[in-house]
Amino acid sequence: RNIAAHIERDVLDKPRQWKPLVYCWRGGNRSG
């Protein structure tokens, strides 16, 4: 649910070339 909200708010206008770097506490479930 939260990821869907992030995508609707911040990702729909991103071009195909957009390159994000993602992390959480230990690189596990949340960022994965």
PDB file of all heavy atoms in Angstrom:
ATOM      1  N   ARG A   1       0.828  -1.200   0.000  1.00  0.00           N
ATOM      2  CA  ARG A   1       0.000   0.000   0.000  1.00  0.00           C
ATOM      3  C   ARG A   1       0.869   1.259   0.000  1.00  0.00           C
ATOM      4  O   ARG A   1       0.609   2.212  -0.738  1.00  0.00           O
ATOM      5  CB  ARG A   1      -0.921  -0.022   1.221  1.00  0.00           C
ATOM      6  CG  ARG A   1      -1.955   1.094   1.247  1.00  0.00           C
ATOM      7  CD  ARG A   1      -2.823   0.961   2.488  1.00  0.00           C
ATOM      8  NE  ARG A   1      -3.445  -0.363   2.525  1.00  0.00           N
ATOM      9  CZ  ARG A   1      -3.606  -1.081   3.643  1.00  0.00           C
ATOM     10  NH1 ARG A   1      -3.164  -0.608   4.796  1.00  0.00           N
ATOM     11  NH2 ARG A   1      -4.199  -2.247   3.592  1.00  0.00           N
ATOM     12  N   ASN A   2       1.902   1.261   0.823  1.00  0.00           N
ATOM     13  CA  ASN A   2       2.768   2.439   0.908  1.00  0.00           C
ATOM     14  C   ASN A   2       3.564   2.647  -0.375  1.00  0.00           C
ATOM     15  O   ASN A   2       3.736   3.774  -0.846  1.00  0.00           O
ATOM     16  CB  ASN A   2       3.714   2.309   2.100  1.00  0.00           C
ATOM     17  CG  ASN A   2       2.990   2.391   3.429  1.00  0.00           C
ATOM     18  OD1 ASN A   2       1.930   3.014   3.535  1.00  0.00           O
ATOM     19  ND2 ASN A   2       3.549   1.765   4.452  1.00  0.00           N
ATOM     20  N   ILE A   3       4.075   1.547  -0.932  1.00  0.00           N
ATOM     21  CA  ILE A   3       4.846   1.664  -2.172  1.00  0.00           C
ATOM     22  C   ILE A   3       3.965   2.178  -3.298  1.00  0.00           C
ATOM     23  O   ILE A   3       4.386   3.023  -4.106  1.00  0.00           O
ATOM     24  CB  ILE A   3       5.493   0.312  -2.530  1.00  0.00           C
ATOM     25  CG1 ILE A   3       6.589  -0.029  -1.508  1.00  0.00           C
ATOM     26  CG2 ILE A   3       6.074   0.343  -3.946  1.00  0.00           C
ATOM     27  CD1 ILE A   3       7.138  -1.435  -1.632  1.00  0.00           C
ATOM     28  N   ALA A   4       2.722   1.718  -3.352  1.00  0.00           N
ATOM     29  CA  ALA A   4       1.786   2.202  -4.376  1.00  0.00           C
ATOM     30  C   ALA A   4       1.585   3.707  -4.246  1.00  0.00           C
ATOM     31  O   ALA A   4       1.543   4.440  -5.248  1.00  0.00           O
ATOM     32  CB  ALA A   4       0.451   1.471  -4.243  1.00  0.00           C
ATOM     33  N   ALA A   5       1.475   4.178  -3.010  1.00  0.00           N
ATOM     34  CA  ALA A   5       1.284   5.616  -2.785  1.00  0.00           C
ATOM     35  C   ALA A   5       2.506   6.403  -3.243  1.00  0.00           C
ATOM     36  O   ALA A   5       2.379   7.472  -3.860  1.00  0.00           O
ATOM     37  CB  ALA A   5       0.999   5.882  -1.308  1.00  0.00           C
ATOM     38  N   HIS A   6       3.708   5.872  -2.954  1.00  0.00           N
ATOM     39  CA  HIS A   6       4.929   6.553  -3.409  1.00  0.00           C
ATOM     40  C   HIS A   6       4.973   6.622  -4.937  1.00  0.00           C
ATOM     41  O   HIS A   6       5.346   7.658  -5.508  1.00  0.00           O
ATOM     42  CB  HIS A   6       6.172   5.820  -2.896  1.00  0.00           C
ATOM     43  CG  HIS A   6       6.317   5.820  -1.409  1.00  0.00           C
ATOM     44  ND1 HIS A   6       6.132   6.935  -0.638  1.00  0.00           N
ATOM     45  CD2 HIS A   6       6.654   4.819  -0.544  1.00  0.00           C
ATOM     46  CE1 HIS A   6       6.338   6.637   0.637  1.00  0.00           C
ATOM     47  NE2 HIS A   6       6.657   5.359   0.719  1.00  0.00           N
ATOM     48  N   ILE A   7       4.604   5.538  -5.594  1.00  0.00           N
ATOM     49  CA  ILE A   7       4.652   5.501  -7.063  1.00  0.00           C
ATOM     50  C   ILE A   7       3.650   6.496  -7.649  1.00  0.00           C
ATOM     51  O   ILE A   7       3.975   7.258  -8.566  1.00  0.00           O
ATOM     52  CB  ILE A   7       4.377   4.072  -7.566  1.00  0.00           C
ATOM     53  CG1 ILE A   7       5.554   3.159  -7.207  1.00  0.00           C
ATOM     54  CG2 ILE A   7       4.133   4.070  -9.079  1.00  0.00           C
ATOM     55  CD1 ILE A   7       5.316   1.703  -7.499  1.00  0.00           C
ATOM     56  N   GLU A   8       2.438   6.507  -7.093  1.00  0.00           N
ATOM     57  CA  GLU A   8       1.422   7.430  -7.611  1.00  0.00           C
ATOM     58  C   GLU A   8       1.823   8.888  -7.398  1.00  0.00           C
ATOM     59  O   GLU A   8       1.569   9.742  -8.247  1.00  0.00           O
ATOM     60  CB  GLU A   8       0.081   7.154  -6.933  1.00  0.00           C
ATOM     61  CG  GLU A   8      -0.572   5.849  -7.382  1.00  0.00           C
ATOM     62  CD  GLU A   8      -1.916   5.612  -6.727  1.00  0.00           C
ATOM     63  OE1 GLU A   8      -2.188   6.200  -5.667  1.00  0.00           O
ATOM     64  OE2 GLU A   8      -2.705   4.840  -7.300  1.00  0.00           O
ATOM     65  N   ARG A   9       2.465   9.161  -6.292  1.00  0.00           N
ATOM     66  CA  ARG A   9       2.806  10.546  -5.966  1.00  0.00           C
ATOM     67  C   ARG A   9       4.086  11.013  -6.662  1.00  0.00           C
ATOM     68  O   ARG A   9       4.175  12.160  -7.113  1.00  0.00           O
ATOM     69  CB  ARG A   9       2.961  10.695  -4.457  1.00  0.00           C
ATOM     70  CG  ARG A   9       3.246  12.131  -3.994  1.00  0.00           C
ATOM     71  CD  ARG A   9       3.417  12.227  -2.491  1.00  0.00           C
ATOM     72  NE  ARG A   9       4.584  11.459  -2.046  1.00  0.00           N
ATOM     73  CZ  ARG A   9       4.504  10.366  -1.289  1.00  0.00           C
ATOM     74  NH1 ARG A   9       3.327   9.906  -0.883  1.00  0.00           N
ATOM     75  NH2 ARG A   9       5.596   9.722  -0.923  1.00  0.00           N
ATOM     76  N   ASP A  10       5.096  10.137  -6.767  1.00  0.00           N
ATOM     77  CA  ASP A  10       6.430  10.602  -7.151  1.00  0.00           C
ATOM     78  C   ASP A  10       7.049   9.921  -8.366  1.00  0.00           C
ATOM     79  O   ASP A  10       8.123  10.349  -8.812  1.00  0.00           O
ATOM     80  CB  ASP A  10       7.398  10.417  -5.965  1.00  0.00           C
ATOM     81  CG  ASP A  10       7.010  11.273  -4.772  1.00  0.00           C
ATOM     82  OD1 ASP A  10       6.831  12.493  -4.955  1.00  0.00           O
ATOM     83  OD2 ASP A  10       6.883  10.727  -3.674  1.00  0.00           O
ATOM     84  N   VAL A  11       6.422   8.871  -8.894  1.00  0.00           N
ATOM     85  CA  VAL A  11       7.093   8.094  -9.944  1.00  0.00           C
ATOM     86  C   VAL A  11       6.411   8.207 -11.299  1.00  0.00           C
ATOM     87  O   VAL A  11       7.070   8.065 -12.335  1.00  0.00           O
ATOM     88  CB  VAL A  11       7.201   6.600  -9.520  1.00  0.00           C
ATOM     89  CG1 VAL A  11       7.804   5.747 -10.630  1.00  0.00           C
ATOM     90  CG2 VAL A  11       8.023   6.468  -8.248  1.00  0.00           C
ATOM     91  N   LEU A  12       5.119   8.490 -11.319  1.00  0.00           N
ATOM     92  CA  LEU A  12       4.391   8.439 -12.593  1.00  0.00           C
ATOM     93  C   LEU A  12       4.942   9.407 -13.635  1.00  0.00           C
ATOM     94  O   LEU A  12       4.786   9.176 -14.835  1.00  0.00           O
ATOM     95  CB  LEU A  12       2.896   8.726 -12.356  1.00  0.00           C
ATOM     96  CG  LEU A  12       2.153   7.678 -11.511  1.00  0.00           C
ATOM     97  CD1 LEU A  12       0.683   8.037 -11.393  1.00  0.00           C
ATOM     98  CD2 LEU A  12       2.317   6.278 -12.129  1.00  0.00           C
ATOM     99  N   ASP A  13       5.603  10.472 -13.181  1.00  0.00           N
ATOM    100  CA  ASP A  13       6.146  11.430 -14.146  1.00  0.00           C
ATOM    101  C   ASP A  13       7.616  11.176 -14.477  1.00  0.00           C
ATOM    102  O   ASP A  13       8.229  11.947 -15.223  1.00  0.00           O
ATOM    103  CB  ASP A  13       5.993  12.856 -13.609  1.00  0.00           C
ATOM    104  CG  ASP A  13       6.784  13.082 -12.329  1.00  0.00           C
ATOM    105  OD1 ASP A  13       7.157  12.076 -11.685  1.00  0.00           O
ATOM    106  OD2 ASP A  13       7.024  14.251 -11.971  1.00  0.00           O
ATOM    107  N   LYS A  14       8.183  10.088 -13.954  1.00  0.00           N
ATOM    108  CA  LYS A  14       9.602   9.817 -14.185  1.00  0.00           C
ATOM    109  C   LYS A  14       9.812   9.187 -15.560  1.00  0.00           C
ATOM    110  O   LYS A  14       9.061   8.298 -15.971  1.00  0.00           O
ATOM    111  CB  LYS A  14      10.155   8.882 -13.101  1.00  0.00           C
ATOM    112  CG  LYS A  14      10.157   9.484 -11.696  1.00  0.00           C
ATOM    113  CD  LYS A  14      11.166  10.600 -11.575  1.00  0.00           C
ATOM    114  CE  LYS A  14      11.330  11.051 -10.120  1.00  0.00           C
ATOM    115  NZ  LYS A  14      10.153  11.738  -9.583  1.00  0.00           N
ATOM    116  N   PRO A  15      10.864   9.585 -16.307  1.00  0.00           N
ATOM    117  CA  PRO A  15      11.155   8.969 -17.604  1.00  0.00           C
ATOM    118  C   PRO A  15      11.782   7.593 -17.429  1.00  0.00           C
ATOM    119  O   PRO A  15      12.242   7.233 -16.347  1.00  0.00           O
ATOM    120  CB  PRO A  15      12.154   9.957 -18.219  1.00  0.00           C
ATOM    121  CG  PRO A  15      12.857  10.548 -17.039  1.00  0.00           C
ATOM    122  CD  PRO A  15      11.818  10.664 -15.960  1.00  0.00           C
ATOM    123  N   ARG A  16      11.848   6.847 -18.486  1.00  0.00           N
ATOM    124  CA  ARG A  16      12.423   5.506 -18.446  1.00  0.00           C
ATOM    125  C   ARG A  16      13.881   5.539 -17.984  1.00  0.00           C
ATOM    126  O   ARG A  16      14.368   4.597 -17.363  1.00  0.00           O
ATOM    127  CB  ARG A  16      12.327   4.851 -19.822  1.00  0.00           C
ATOM    128  CG  ARG A  16      12.866   3.420 -19.885  1.00  0.00           C
ATOM    129  CD  ARG A  16      12.803   2.876 -21.299  1.00  0.00           C
ATOM    130  NE  ARG A  16      11.420   2.738 -21.729  1.00  0.00           N
ATOM    131  CZ  ARG A  16      10.669   1.647 -21.515  1.00  0.00           C
ATOM    132  NH1 ARG A  16      11.194   0.620 -20.849  1.00  0.00           N
ATOM    133  NH2 ARG A  16       9.445   1.586 -21.938  1.00  0.00           N
ATOM    134  N   GLN A  17      14.587   6.631 -18.244  1.00  0.00           N
ATOM    135  CA  GLN A  17      16.009   6.716 -17.924  1.00  0.00           C
ATOM    136  C   GLN A  17      16.280   7.026 -16.445  1.00  0.00           C
ATOM    137  O   GLN A  17      17.435   7.060 -16.025  1.00  0.00           O
ATOM    138  CB  GLN A  17      16.672   7.809 -18.781  1.00  0.00           C
ATOM    139  CG  GLN A  17      16.665   7.523 -20.283  1.00  0.00           C
ATOM    140  CD  GLN A  17      15.297   7.770 -20.915  1.00  0.00           C
ATOM    141  OE1 GLN A  17      14.497   8.556 -20.389  1.00  0.00           O
ATOM    142  NE2 GLN A  17      15.031   7.098 -22.030  1.00  0.00           N
ATOM    143  N   TRP A  18      15.243   7.258 -15.676  1.00  0.00           N
ATOM    144  CA  TRP A  18      15.400   7.597 -14.246  1.00  0.00           C
ATOM    145  C   TRP A  18      16.150   6.479 -13.515  1.00  0.00           C
ATOM    146  O   TRP A  18      15.831   5.306 -13.651  1.00  0.00           O
ATOM    147  CB  TRP A  18      14.024   7.794 -13.628  1.00  0.00           C
ATOM    148  CG  TRP A  18      14.003   8.160 -12.172  1.00  0.00           C
ATOM    149  CD1 TRP A  18      14.577   9.234 -11.579  1.00  0.00           C
ATOM    150  CD2 TRP A  18      13.336   7.434 -11.129  1.00  0.00           C
ATOM    151  NE1 TRP A  18      14.312   9.247 -10.226  1.00  0.00           N
ATOM    152  CE2 TRP A  18      13.555   8.148  -9.909  1.00  0.00           C
ATOM    153  CE3 TRP A  18      12.573   6.272 -11.081  1.00  0.00           C
ATOM    154  CZ2 TRP A  18      13.044   7.733  -8.683  1.00  0.00           C
ATOM    155  CZ3 TRP A  18      12.057   5.860  -9.872  1.00  0.00           C
ATOM    156  CH2 TRP A  18      12.295   6.575  -8.689  1.00  0.00           C
ATOM    157  N   LYS A  19      17.177   6.883 -12.736  1.00  0.00           N
ATOM    158  CA  LYS A  19      18.022   5.898 -12.050  1.00  0.00           C
ATOM    159  C   LYS A  19      18.011   6.176 -10.540  1.00  0.00           C
ATOM    160  O   LYS A  19      18.742   7.056 -10.071  1.00  0.00           O
ATOM    161  CB  LYS A  19      19.457   5.958 -12.584  1.00  0.00           C
ATOM    162  CG  LYS A  19      19.602   5.553 -14.032  1.00  0.00           C
ATOM    163  CD  LYS A  19      21.072   5.505 -14.443  1.00  0.00           C
ATOM    164  CE  LYS A  19      21.716   6.875 -14.357  1.00  0.00           C
ATOM    165  NZ  LYS A  19      23.140   6.837 -14.815  1.00  0.00           N
ATOM    166  N   PRO A  20      17.223   5.445  -9.775  1.00  0.00           N
ATOM    167  CA  PRO A  20      17.222   5.633  -8.324  1.00  0.00           C
ATOM    168  C   PRO A  20      18.201   4.694  -7.608  1.00  0.00           C
ATOM    169  O   PRO A  20      18.492   3.587  -8.078  1.00  0.00           O
ATOM    170  CB  PRO A  20      15.785   5.279  -7.935  1.00  0.00           C
ATOM    171  CG  PRO A  20      15.375   4.231  -8.935  1.00  0.00           C
ATOM    172  CD  PRO A  20      16.112   4.567 -10.219  1.00  0.00           C
ATOM    173  N   LEU A  21      18.707   5.191  -6.480  1.00  0.00           N
ATOM    174  CA  LEU A  21      19.513   4.389  -5.555  1.00  0.00           C
ATOM    175  C   LEU A  21      18.674   4.212  -4.300  1.00  0.00           C
ATOM    176  O   LEU A  21      18.194   5.190  -3.720  1.00  0.00           O
ATOM    177  CB  LEU A  21      20.823   5.103  -5.226  1.00  0.00           C
ATOM    178  CG  LEU A  21      21.740   4.427  -4.199  1.00  0.00           C
ATOM    179  CD1 LEU A  21      22.313   3.129  -4.767  1.00  0.00           C
ATOM    180  CD2 LEU A  21      22.874   5.370  -3.794  1.00  0.00           C
ATOM    181  N   VAL A  22      18.498   2.959  -3.863  1.00  0.00           N
ATOM    182  CA  VAL A  22      17.560   2.658  -2.780  1.00  0.00           C
ATOM    183  C   VAL A  22      18.292   1.939  -1.656  1.00  0.00           C
ATOM    184  O   VAL A  22      19.210   1.137  -1.896  1.00  0.00           O
ATOM    185  CB  VAL A  22      16.396   1.778  -3.296  1.00  0.00           C
ATOM    186  CG1 VAL A  22      15.355   1.544  -2.206  1.00  0.00           C
ATOM    187  CG2 VAL A  22      15.735   2.430  -4.518  1.00  0.00           C
ATOM    188  N   TYR A  23      17.882   2.219  -0.419  1.00  0.00           N
ATOM    189  CA  TYR A  23      18.439   1.488   0.721  1.00  0.00           C
ATOM    190  C   TYR A  23      17.448   1.500   1.874  1.00  0.00           C
ATOM    191  O   TYR A  23      16.550   2.344   1.940  1.00  0.00           O
ATOM    192  CB  TYR A  23      19.771   2.105   1.170  1.00  0.00           C
ATOM    193  CG  TYR A  23      19.642   3.482   1.795  1.00  0.00           C
ATOM    194  CD1 TYR A  23      19.505   3.642   3.182  1.00  0.00           C
ATOM    195  CD2 TYR A  23      19.651   4.630   1.012  1.00  0.00           C
ATOM    196  CE1 TYR A  23      19.378   4.896   3.750  1.00  0.00           C
ATOM    197  CE2 TYR A  23      19.526   5.889   1.576  1.00  0.00           C
ATOM    198  CZ  TYR A  23      19.390   6.020   2.944  1.00  0.00           C
ATOM    199  OH  TYR A  23      19.251   7.266   3.503  1.00  0.00           O
ATOM    200  N   CYS A  24      17.615   0.555   2.788  1.00  0.00           N
ATOM    201  CA  CYS A  24      16.893   0.557   4.063  1.00  0.00           C
ATOM    202  C   CYS A  24      17.937   0.298   5.147  1.00  0.00           C
ATOM    203  O   CYS A  24      19.096   0.682   5.019  1.00  0.00           O
ATOM    204  CB  CYS A  24      15.737  -0.434   4.078  1.00  0.00           C
ATOM    205  SG  CYS A  24      16.195  -2.170   3.836  1.00  0.00           S
ATOM    206  N   TRP A  25      17.548  -0.345   6.245  1.00  0.00           N
ATOM    207  CA  TRP A  25      18.488  -0.517   7.357  1.00  0.00           C
ATOM    208  C   TRP A  25      19.636  -1.452   6.985  1.00  0.00           C
ATOM    209  O   TRP A  25      20.808  -1.132   7.141  1.00  0.00           O
ATOM    210  CB  TRP A  25      17.746  -1.030   8.584  1.00  0.00           C
ATOM    211  CG  TRP A  25      18.644  -1.458   9.716  1.00  0.00           C
ATOM    212  CD1 TRP A  25      18.694  -2.683  10.294  1.00  0.00           C
ATOM    213  CD2 TRP A  25      19.614  -0.660  10.412  1.00  0.00           C
ATOM    214  NE1 TRP A  25      19.640  -2.705  11.302  1.00  0.00           N
ATOM    215  CE2 TRP A  25      20.218  -1.471  11.394  1.00  0.00           C
ATOM    216  CE3 TRP A  25      20.042   0.664  10.295  1.00  0.00           C
ATOM    217  CZ2 TRP A  25      21.220  -1.006  12.249  1.00  0.00           C
ATOM    218  CZ3 TRP A  25      21.039   1.134  11.144  1.00  0.00           C
ATOM    219  CH2 TRP A  25      21.613   0.289  12.112  1.00  0.00           C
ATOM    220  N   ARG A  26      19.310  -2.638   6.450  1.00  0.00           N
ATOM    221  CA  ARG A  26      20.354  -3.601   6.077  1.00  0.00           C
ATOM    222  C   ARG A  26      20.224  -4.081   4.641  1.00  0.00           C
ATOM    223  O   ARG A  26      20.780  -5.112   4.277  1.00  0.00           O
ATOM    224  CB  ARG A  26      20.331  -4.794   7.041  1.00  0.00           C
ATOM    225  CG  ARG A  26      20.881  -4.464   8.411  1.00  0.00           C
ATOM    226  CD  ARG A  26      20.952  -5.679   9.306  1.00  0.00           C
ATOM    227  NE  ARG A  26      19.635  -6.215   9.623  1.00  0.00           N
ATOM    228  CZ  ARG A  26      19.407  -7.171  10.514  1.00  0.00           C
ATOM    229  NH1 ARG A  26      20.414  -7.713  11.167  1.00  0.00           N
ATOM    230  NH2 ARG A  26      18.181  -7.599  10.752  1.00  0.00           N
ATOM    231  N   GLY A  27      19.472  -3.353   3.836  1.00  0.00           N
ATOM    232  CA  GLY A  27      19.335  -3.743   2.431  1.00  0.00           C
ATOM    233  C   GLY A  27      18.454  -4.957   2.246  1.00  0.00           C
ATOM    234  O   GLY A  27      18.628  -5.708   1.279  1.00  0.00           O
ATOM    235  N   GLY A  28      17.488  -5.142   3.126  1.00  0.00           N
ATOM    236  CA  GLY A  28      16.655  -6.340   3.094  1.00  0.00           C
ATOM    237  C   GLY A  28      15.263  -6.102   2.552  1.00  0.00           C
ATOM    238  O   GLY A  28      15.095  -5.562   1.451  1.00  0.00           O
ATOM    239  N   ASN A  29      14.252  -6.481   3.357  1.00  0.00           N
ATOM    240  CA  ASN A  29      12.883  -6.527   2.860  1.00  0.00           C
ATOM    241  C   ASN A  29      12.338  -5.177   2.424  1.00  0.00           C
ATOM    242  O   ASN A  29      11.691  -5.070   1.371  1.00  0.00           O
ATOM    243  CB  ASN A  29      11.959  -7.114   3.937  1.00  0.00           C
ATOM    244  CG  ASN A  29      12.260  -8.573   4.206  1.00  0.00           C
ATOM    245  OD1 ASN A  29      12.789  -9.264   3.342  1.00  0.00           O
ATOM    246  ND2 ASN A  29      11.939  -9.048   5.399  1.00  0.00           N
ATOM    247  N   ARG A  30      12.572  -4.127   3.217  1.00  0.00           N
ATOM    248  CA  ARG A  30      11.917  -2.853   2.910  1.00  0.00           C
ATOM    249  C   ARG A  30      12.428  -2.226   1.617  1.00  0.00           C
ATOM    250  O   ARG A  30      11.643  -1.858   0.742  1.00  0.00           O
ATOM    251  CB  ARG A  30      12.073  -1.887   4.084  1.00  0.00           C
ATOM    252  CG  ARG A  30      11.261  -2.287   5.305  1.00  0.00           C
ATOM    253  CD  ARG A  30      11.401  -1.275   6.428  1.00  0.00           C
ATOM    254  NE  ARG A  30      12.707  -1.366   7.089  1.00  0.00           N
ATOM    255  CZ  ARG A  30      13.129  -0.503   8.016  1.00  0.00           C
ATOM    256  NH1 ARG A  30      12.352   0.521   8.364  1.00  0.00           N
ATOM    257  NH2 ARG A  30      14.308  -0.642   8.591  1.00  0.00           N
ATOM    258  N   SER A  31      13.733  -2.118   1.483  1.00  0.00           N
ATOM    259  CA  SER A  31      14.264  -1.558   0.239  1.00  0.00           C
ATOM    260  C   SER A  31      14.135  -2.555  -0.903  1.00  0.00           C
ATOM    261  O   SER A  31      13.926  -2.164  -2.058  1.00  0.00           O
ATOM    262  CB  SER A  31      15.731  -1.151   0.416  1.00  0.00           C
ATOM    263  OG  SER A  31      16.512  -2.258   0.818  1.00  0.00           O
ATOM    264  N   GLY A  32      14.243  -3.855  -0.577  1.00  0.00           N
ATOM    265  CA  GLY A  32      14.123  -4.876  -1.619  1.00  0.00           C
ATOM    266  C   GLY A  32      12.760  -4.867  -2.275  1.00  0.00           C
ATOM    267  O   GLY A  32      12.644  -4.991  -3.504  1.00  0.00           O
TER     268      GLY A  32
END
